[in-house]
Amino acid sequence: MLKMQDRQRCLAALRNSVIKYNTEDCSLAAKKALDLGIDPAAAVLEGLAKGMETVGNLFYAGQYFVPEVLLCADALYAGLEILKPHLKIKPIHPRITLVIGCVEGDVHEIGKNLVKQMFISSGWEVHDLGYDVPLARFVEKLEEVRADILAMSAMMTTTMMGMKKVIAMAKDRCPECMILLGGAPLNRDIAALFGADGYASSAGEVVREVLEMMDRFHEQARL
């Protein structure tokens, strides 16, 4: 039986290896998590993602700079590569198609990649446009794949303003598609002001937010 102390120690090792940008330690901690029987999703969210959240705080506090953040991302991806094959794909809602990407001018895609993995692990169809995505490209992809959800992220106040433009275009050309926003400079009030249908502050809550958005959509359709 997995002891709570062993679980907490392993999750802390995952977090610290990301923060200290130690790729080898992160791989070892990820393997240890599997050996201990820790839920891979918990290892990702409570270990890797929490570590990256701390890295983000260090960056905004001026203690870490871009080179350190990139090294931290390398460590995170090393752990994710080991855990990813063990994440259980279990459709928990009728098939959902999503388009995801970082808005034009924004190249910070670490959080977006974690969110994408949560979508994939839920058994959903994900079309990842990557980072620095031209605003019109989001809507083009929505029309191409007839997506249910458009998920956009931004890490800067300057780039997040592009979200409002994309939402206006999407609502005009794909009125049934719902919009989900995320990223450091946003909150639920800003997302609503931009015209989005939902907001998630972390990868850990993004699946629940999508499900609630879908429930609201189907409820309105029945009215």
Protein backbone atom coordinates (compact mmCIF):
# COMPACT_ATOMS: atom_id res chain seq x y z
CA MET A 1 0.00 0.00 0.00
CA LEU A 2 1.26 3.46 -0.92
CA LYS A 3 2.21 5.45 2.17
CA MET A 4 1.18 9.10 2.23
CA GLN A 5 4.69 10.09 3.25
CA ASP A 6 6.20 8.32 0.22
CA ARG A 7 3.61 9.92 -2.06
CA GLN A 8 4.30 13.43 -0.77
CA ARG A 9 8.07 12.89 -0.96
CA CYS A 10 7.85 11.77 -4.60
CA LEU A 11 5.57 14.65 -5.62
CA ALA A 12 7.94 17.08 -3.92
CA ALA A 13 10.84 15.55 -5.86
CA LEU A 14 8.95 16.14 -9.11
CA ARG A 15 8.23 19.74 -8.18
CA ASN A 16 11.78 20.47 -7.05
CA SER A 17 13.39 18.88 -10.09
CA VAL A 18 11.37 21.22 -12.31
CA ILE A 19 12.16 24.27 -10.17
CA LYS A 20 15.88 23.39 -10.11
CA TYR A 21 15.75 22.53 -13.85
CA ASN A 22 17.28 19.10 -13.30
CA THR A 23 16.17 16.92 -16.22
CA GLU A 24 17.73 13.70 -14.93
CA ASP A 25 16.18 14.04 -11.48
CA CYS A 26 12.79 14.77 -13.03
CA SER A 27 12.94 11.60 -15.13
CA LEU A 28 13.95 9.56 -12.09
CA ALA A 29 11.16 11.07 -9.98
CA ALA A 30 8.61 10.33 -12.71
CA LYS A 31 9.73 6.70 -12.86
CA LYS A 32 9.59 6.53 -9.06
CA ALA A 33 6.02 7.82 -9.13
CA LEU A 34 5.02 5.00 -11.46
CA ASP A 35 6.86 2.43 -9.34
CA LEU A 36 5.02 3.64 -6.24
CA GLY A 37 1.66 3.43 -7.98
CA ILE A 38 0.95 7.17 -7.84
CA ASP A 39 -1.80 8.19 -10.25
CA PRO A 40 0.06 9.59 -13.30
CA ALA A 41 -2.44 12.46 -13.56
CA ALA A 42 -1.69 13.41 -9.95
CA ALA A 43 2.04 13.22 -10.68
CA VAL A 44 1.56 15.64 -13.57
CA LEU A 45 -0.75 18.09 -11.79
CA GLU A 46 0.56 17.96 -8.21
CA GLY A 47 4.18 17.43 -9.20
CA LEU A 48 5.23 18.80 -12.59
CA ALA A 49 2.54 21.46 -12.99
CA LYS A 50 2.93 22.74 -9.43
CA GLY A 51 6.67 23.00 -9.98
CA MET A 52 6.13 25.00 -13.14
CA GLU A 53 3.69 27.24 -11.30
CA THR A 54 6.47 28.10 -8.85
CA VAL A 55 8.82 28.75 -11.78
CA GLY A 56 6.28 31.20 -13.18
CA ASN A 57 6.15 33.02 -9.86
CA LEU A 58 9.95 33.20 -9.76
CA PHE A 59 9.97 34.59 -13.30
CA TYR A 60 7.44 37.33 -12.51
CA ALA A 61 9.35 38.16 -9.32
CA GLY A 62 12.48 38.74 -11.38
CA GLN A 63 14.38 35.86 -9.79
CA TYR A 64 14.29 33.66 -12.90
CA PHE A 65 14.78 34.79 -16.47
CA VAL A 66 13.95 33.27 -19.84
CA PRO A 67 16.98 30.90 -19.97
CA GLU A 68 16.07 29.43 -16.57
CA VAL A 69 12.42 29.06 -17.54
CA LEU A 70 13.38 27.19 -20.70
CA LEU A 71 15.60 24.84 -18.72
CA CYS A 72 12.74 24.24 -16.27
CA ALA A 73 10.49 23.43 -19.22
CA ASP A 74 13.02 20.87 -20.45
CA ALA A 75 12.90 19.16 -17.06
CA LEU A 76 9.11 19.21 -17.04
CA TYR A 77 8.91 17.66 -20.51
CA ALA A 78 11.37 14.94 -19.49
CA GLY A 79 9.04 13.91 -16.68
CA LEU A 80 5.96 14.29 -18.84
CA GLU A 81 7.38 11.98 -21.51
CA ILE A 82 7.61 9.19 -18.93
CA LEU A 83 4.19 9.80 -17.39
CA LYS A 84 2.24 10.54 -20.57
CA PRO A 85 1.91 6.93 -21.85
CA HIS A 86 0.36 5.94 -18.52
CA LEU A 87 -2.30 8.63 -18.39
CA LYS A 88 -5.64 6.88 -18.72
CA ILE A 89 -7.69 7.94 -21.71
CA LYS A 90 -11.30 7.67 -20.60
CA PRO A 91 -14.02 9.55 -22.44
CA ILE A 92 -15.94 11.33 -19.69
CA HIS A 93 -18.32 13.22 -21.96
CA PRO A 94 -19.68 12.84 -25.49
CA ARG A 95 -16.85 13.40 -27.96
CA ILE A 96 -15.55 16.97 -27.82
CA THR A 97 -13.41 18.63 -30.48
CA LEU A 98 -11.12 21.45 -29.39
CA VAL A 99 -8.81 23.95 -31.05
CA ILE A 100 -6.07 25.28 -28.80
CA GLY A 101 -3.21 27.75 -29.16
CA CYS A 102 -1.32 30.75 -27.79
CA VAL A 103 -2.36 34.05 -29.32
CA GLU A 104 -0.25 36.05 -31.75
CA GLY A 105 2.86 37.54 -30.18
CA ASP A 106 2.91 35.05 -27.31
CA VAL A 107 5.47 32.24 -27.30
CA HIS A 108 4.85 30.92 -23.78
CA GLU A 109 3.28 27.53 -24.46
CA ILE A 110 4.26 25.44 -21.43
CA GLY A 111 0.90 25.90 -19.72
CA LYS A 112 -0.93 25.38 -23.01
CA ASN A 113 0.87 22.08 -23.52
CA LEU A 114 -0.18 20.87 -20.07
CA VAL A 115 -3.78 21.81 -20.80
CA LYS A 116 -3.60 20.01 -24.15
CA GLN A 117 -2.41 16.87 -22.41
CA MET A 118 -5.36 17.03 -20.02
CA PHE A 119 -7.72 17.25 -22.99
CA ILE A 120 -6.07 14.32 -24.74
CA SER A 121 -6.17 12.27 -21.55
CA SER A 122 -9.92 12.86 -21.41
CA GLY A 123 -10.29 11.18 -24.79
CA TRP A 124 -11.04 14.38 -26.70
CA GLU A 125 -9.94 15.44 -30.18
CA VAL A 126 -7.40 18.25 -29.92
CA HIS A 127 -6.08 20.45 -32.72
CA ASP A 128 -3.03 22.33 -31.41
CA LEU A 129 -2.07 25.43 -33.38
CA GLY A 130 1.03 26.00 -31.25
CA TYR A 131 2.21 29.46 -30.21
CA ASP A 132 2.28 32.93 -31.80
CA VAL A 133 -0.87 32.00 -33.73
CA PRO A 134 -2.17 34.66 -36.15
CA LEU A 135 -5.59 35.74 -34.90
CA ALA A 136 -7.48 34.82 -38.07
CA ARG A 137 -5.93 31.34 -38.02
CA PHE A 138 -7.97 30.39 -34.94
CA VAL A 139 -11.24 31.02 -36.75
CA GLU A 140 -10.04 29.30 -39.93
CA LYS A 141 -9.28 26.16 -37.91
CA LEU A 142 -12.61 26.34 -36.09
CA GLU A 143 -14.44 26.32 -39.40
CA GLU A 144 -12.22 23.57 -40.80
CA VAL A 145 -12.73 21.06 -37.97
CA ARG A 146 -16.13 22.31 -36.71
CA ALA A 147 -14.78 22.49 -33.16
CA ASP A 148 -16.95 22.61 -30.04
CA ILE A 149 -14.39 24.59 -28.01
CA LEU A 150 -11.71 27.16 -28.79
CA ALA A 151 -9.12 27.36 -26.00
CA MET A 152 -6.69 30.29 -26.08
CA SER A 153 -3.89 31.26 -23.71
CA ALA A 154 -1.77 34.36 -23.21
CA MET A 155 0.94 35.18 -20.71
CA MET A 156 1.23 38.93 -21.34
CA THR A 157 -1.23 41.79 -21.05
CA THR A 158 -0.19 43.02 -24.48
CA THR A 159 -0.95 39.74 -26.24
CA MET A 160 -4.14 38.93 -24.33
CA MET A 161 -5.92 41.81 -26.08
CA GLY A 162 -5.82 39.74 -29.27
CA MET A 163 -8.19 37.28 -27.61
CA LYS A 164 -11.00 39.82 -27.72
CA LYS A 165 -10.57 40.18 -31.49
CA VAL A 166 -10.57 36.41 -32.01
CA ILE A 167 -13.71 36.00 -29.90
CA ALA A 168 -15.55 38.63 -31.95
CA MET A 169 -14.60 36.85 -35.20
CA ALA A 170 -15.42 33.41 -33.80
CA LYS A 171 -18.83 34.44 -32.49
CA ASP A 172 -19.64 35.91 -35.89
CA ARG A 173 -18.52 32.96 -38.02
CA CYS A 174 -18.86 30.02 -35.61
CA PRO A 175 -21.62 31.10 -33.20
CA GLU A 176 -22.07 27.66 -31.64
CA CYS A 177 -18.40 27.30 -30.69
CA MET A 178 -17.61 28.12 -27.06
CA ILE A 179 -14.51 30.01 -25.99
CA LEU A 180 -12.24 29.10 -23.08
CA LEU A 181 -9.45 31.42 -21.95
CA GLY A 182 -6.45 30.99 -19.65
CA GLY A 183 -3.13 32.58 -18.80
CA ALA A 184 -1.38 34.61 -16.11
CA PRO A 185 -2.80 38.10 -16.85
CA LEU A 186 -6.41 36.92 -17.04
CA ASN A 187 -9.11 36.13 -14.52
CA ARG A 188 -12.75 35.10 -14.80
CA ASP A 189 -13.99 38.70 -14.93
CA ILE A 190 -11.63 39.66 -17.76
CA ALA A 191 -12.56 36.51 -19.69
CA ALA A 192 -16.26 37.37 -19.36
CA LEU A 193 -15.58 40.98 -20.39
CA PHE A 194 -13.86 39.71 -23.55
CA GLY A 195 -16.93 37.61 -24.35
CA ALA A 196 -15.53 34.17 -23.45
CA ASP A 197 -17.75 31.36 -22.21
CA GLY A 198 -15.30 30.02 -19.64
CA TYR A 199 -12.01 30.54 -17.84
CA ALA A 200 -9.51 28.16 -16.23
CA SER A 201 -6.67 29.30 -13.99
CA SER A 202 -4.75 26.01 -14.18
CA ALA A 203 -4.48 22.71 -16.03
CA GLY A 204 -5.98 21.01 -12.99
CA GLU A 205 -9.36 22.67 -13.42
CA VAL A 206 -9.57 22.94 -17.18
CA VAL A 207 -11.40 19.65 -17.86
CA ARG A 208 -14.06 20.46 -15.27
CA GLU A 209 -14.51 23.91 -16.81
CA VAL A 210 -15.00 22.45 -20.30
CA LEU A 211 -17.57 19.98 -19.00
CA GLU A 212 -19.48 22.76 -17.26
CA MET A 213 -19.40 24.82 -20.45
CA MET A 214 -20.81 21.89 -22.43
CA ASP A 215 -23.51 21.34 -19.82
CA ARG A 216 -24.53 25.00 -20.01
CA PHE A 217 -24.64 24.80 -23.80
CA HIS A 218 -26.89 21.72 -23.81
CA GLU A 219 -29.11 23.22 -21.12
CA GLN A 220 -29.62 26.37 -23.20
CA ALA A 221 -30.30 24.24 -26.30
CA ARG A 222 -33.16 22.54 -24.46
CA LEU A 223 -34.82 25.88 -23.58
